[in-house]
Amino acid sequence: MLFTIDLASPTPLFEQLAASIRSHVMAGEARTGERLPAARELADSLEINVHTVLRAYQIMRDEGFIELRRGRGAVVTQRSQDYAQLASDITRVVAEAQRLELTQSALSALIRKEWE
């Protein structure tokens, strides 16, 4: 897996890294039980601080995408596969909204209403 960040972006590096990991997992490029690179190794390859990687990993843990295990590192969870299905469902919903010429704000309002 190749994780990417943009040093010129105004988005914090840890958020960019978390988004990159999230997209790889949701695309099925990382399977349940698969280990992500060690924080130090990933930090070195991206030329960023190891604490930035650890913060991204903590976000991913809090979202349920990975487990952080002492001695094993970051491991992709089964729950992440559920997120991949949700992403697929959202793609279909967005396509249908576009077909109906629904605006983004209208679709967002529908989702917010359903959420409540």
Protein backbone atom coordinates (compact mmCIF):
# COMPACT_ATOMS: atom_id res chain seq x y z
CA MET A 1 0.00 0.00 0.00
CA LEU A 2 1.20 3.44 -0.89
CA PHE A 3 -0.01 6.13 1.47
CA THR A 4 0.24 9.71 0.28
CA ILE A 5 0.29 13.14 1.85
CA ASP A 6 0.67 16.64 0.44
CA LEU A 7 3.05 18.80 2.44
CA ALA A 8 1.65 21.92 0.74
CA SER A 9 -1.95 21.16 1.72
CA PRO A 10 -3.59 23.17 4.51
CA THR A 11 -5.08 19.91 5.84
CA PRO A 12 -3.05 18.60 8.80
CA LEU A 13 -0.72 15.73 7.89
CA PHE A 14 -2.29 13.31 10.36
CA GLU A 15 -5.73 13.91 8.80
CA GLN A 16 -4.33 13.40 5.30
CA LEU A 17 -2.68 10.17 6.37
CA ALA A 18 -5.84 8.92 8.11
CA ALA A 19 -7.85 9.69 4.95
CA SER A 20 -5.31 7.85 2.80
CA ILE A 21 -5.42 4.79 5.06
CA ARG A 22 -9.23 4.95 5.18
CA SER A 23 -9.48 5.03 1.39
CA HIS A 24 -7.15 2.04 1.01
CA VAL A 25 -9.13 0.03 3.54
CA MET A 26 -12.49 0.95 2.03
CA ALA A 27 -11.22 0.11 -1.45
CA GLY A 28 -10.39 -3.39 -0.22
CA GLU A 29 -6.65 -2.88 -0.63
CA ALA A 30 -6.15 -3.83 3.02
CA ARG A 31 -7.93 -6.94 4.30
CA THR A 32 -9.09 -7.93 7.76
CA GLY A 33 -6.11 -8.98 9.88
CA GLU A 34 -3.57 -7.29 7.62
CA ARG A 35 -0.88 -5.32 9.40
CA LEU A 36 -0.19 -1.74 8.42
CA PRO A 37 3.40 -0.52 8.36
CA ALA A 38 5.03 0.17 11.71
CA ALA A 39 4.62 3.82 12.69
CA ARG A 40 8.36 4.50 12.57
CA GLU A 41 8.72 2.79 9.20
CA LEU A 42 5.80 4.74 7.72
CA ALA A 43 7.05 8.01 9.20
CA ASP A 44 10.48 7.43 7.67
CA SER A 45 9.05 6.58 4.25
CA LEU A 46 6.83 9.70 4.24
CA GLU A 47 9.53 11.84 5.87
CA ILE A 48 7.21 12.95 8.68
CA ASN A 49 7.28 12.74 12.46
CA VAL A 50 6.40 9.37 13.99
CA HIS A 51 3.88 11.12 16.28
CA THR A 52 1.99 12.26 13.18
CA VAL A 53 1.62 8.63 12.09
CA LEU A 54 0.61 7.58 15.59
CA ARG A 55 -2.07 10.28 15.68
CA ALA A 56 -3.43 9.09 12.32
CA TYR A 57 -3.42 5.51 13.62
CA GLN A 58 -5.29 6.63 16.75
CA ILE A 59 -7.96 8.30 14.61
CA MET A 60 -8.32 5.12 12.57
CA ARG A 61 -8.57 3.09 15.79
CA ASP A 62 -11.24 5.42 17.15
CA GLU A 63 -13.22 5.02 13.90
CA GLY A 64 -12.96 1.24 14.14
CA PHE A 65 -10.82 0.72 11.03
CA ILE A 66 -7.81 -0.68 12.88
CA GLU A 67 -6.77 -2.15 16.20
CA LEU A 68 -3.52 -1.10 17.79
CA ARG A 69 -1.86 -4.12 19.35
CA ARG A 70 1.32 -3.98 21.38
CA GLY A 71 3.93 -5.99 19.55
CA ARG A 72 1.79 -6.43 16.42
CA GLY A 73 1.19 -2.80 15.49
CA ALA A 74 -1.83 -1.56 13.54
CA VAL A 75 -4.10 -4.33 12.28
CA VAL A 76 -7.12 -3.88 9.97
CA THR A 77 -10.36 -4.88 11.70
CA GLN A 78 -13.35 -6.83 10.42
CA ARG A 79 -15.47 -3.76 11.02
CA SER A 80 -13.56 -1.97 8.27
CA GLN A 81 -15.19 -4.29 5.74
CA ASP A 82 -18.59 -3.01 6.93
CA TYR A 83 -17.38 0.50 6.12
CA ALA A 84 -16.42 -0.66 2.64
CA GLN A 85 -20.00 -1.86 2.10
CA LEU A 86 -21.33 1.45 3.39
CA ALA A 87 -19.10 3.32 0.94
CA SER A 88 -20.50 1.21 -1.88
CA ASP A 89 -24.05 1.96 -0.73
CA ILE A 90 -23.29 5.68 -0.56
CA THR A 91 -21.94 5.60 -4.11
CA ARG A 92 -25.26 4.17 -5.27
CA VAL A 93 -27.26 6.76 -3.29
CA VAL A 94 -25.22 9.62 -4.73
CA ALA A 95 -25.63 8.26 -8.26
CA GLU A 96 -29.39 8.07 -7.77
CA ALA A 97 -29.49 11.60 -6.32
CA GLN A 98 -27.57 12.86 -9.35
CA ARG A 99 -29.95 11.05 -11.68
CA LEU A 100 -32.82 12.83 -9.92
CA GLU A 101 -30.86 16.11 -10.16
CA LEU A 102 -30.95 16.51 -6.40
CA THR A 103 -28.51 19.07 -4.99
CA GLN A 104 -25.81 18.12 -2.51
CA SER A 105 -27.48 20.18 0.18
CA ALA A 106 -30.83 18.47 -0.44
CA LEU A 107 -29.22 15.03 -0.24
CA SER A 108 -27.40 16.06 2.94
CA ALA A 109 -30.69 17.26 4.43
CA LEU A 110 -32.30 13.89 3.67
CA ILE A 111 -29.43 12.07 5.32
CA ARG A 112 -29.51 14.35 8.38
CA LYS A 113 -33.25 13.81 8.72
CA GLU A 114 -32.83 10.04 8.54
CA TRP A 115 -29.98 10.18 11.05
CA GLU A 116 -32.17 11.91 13.60
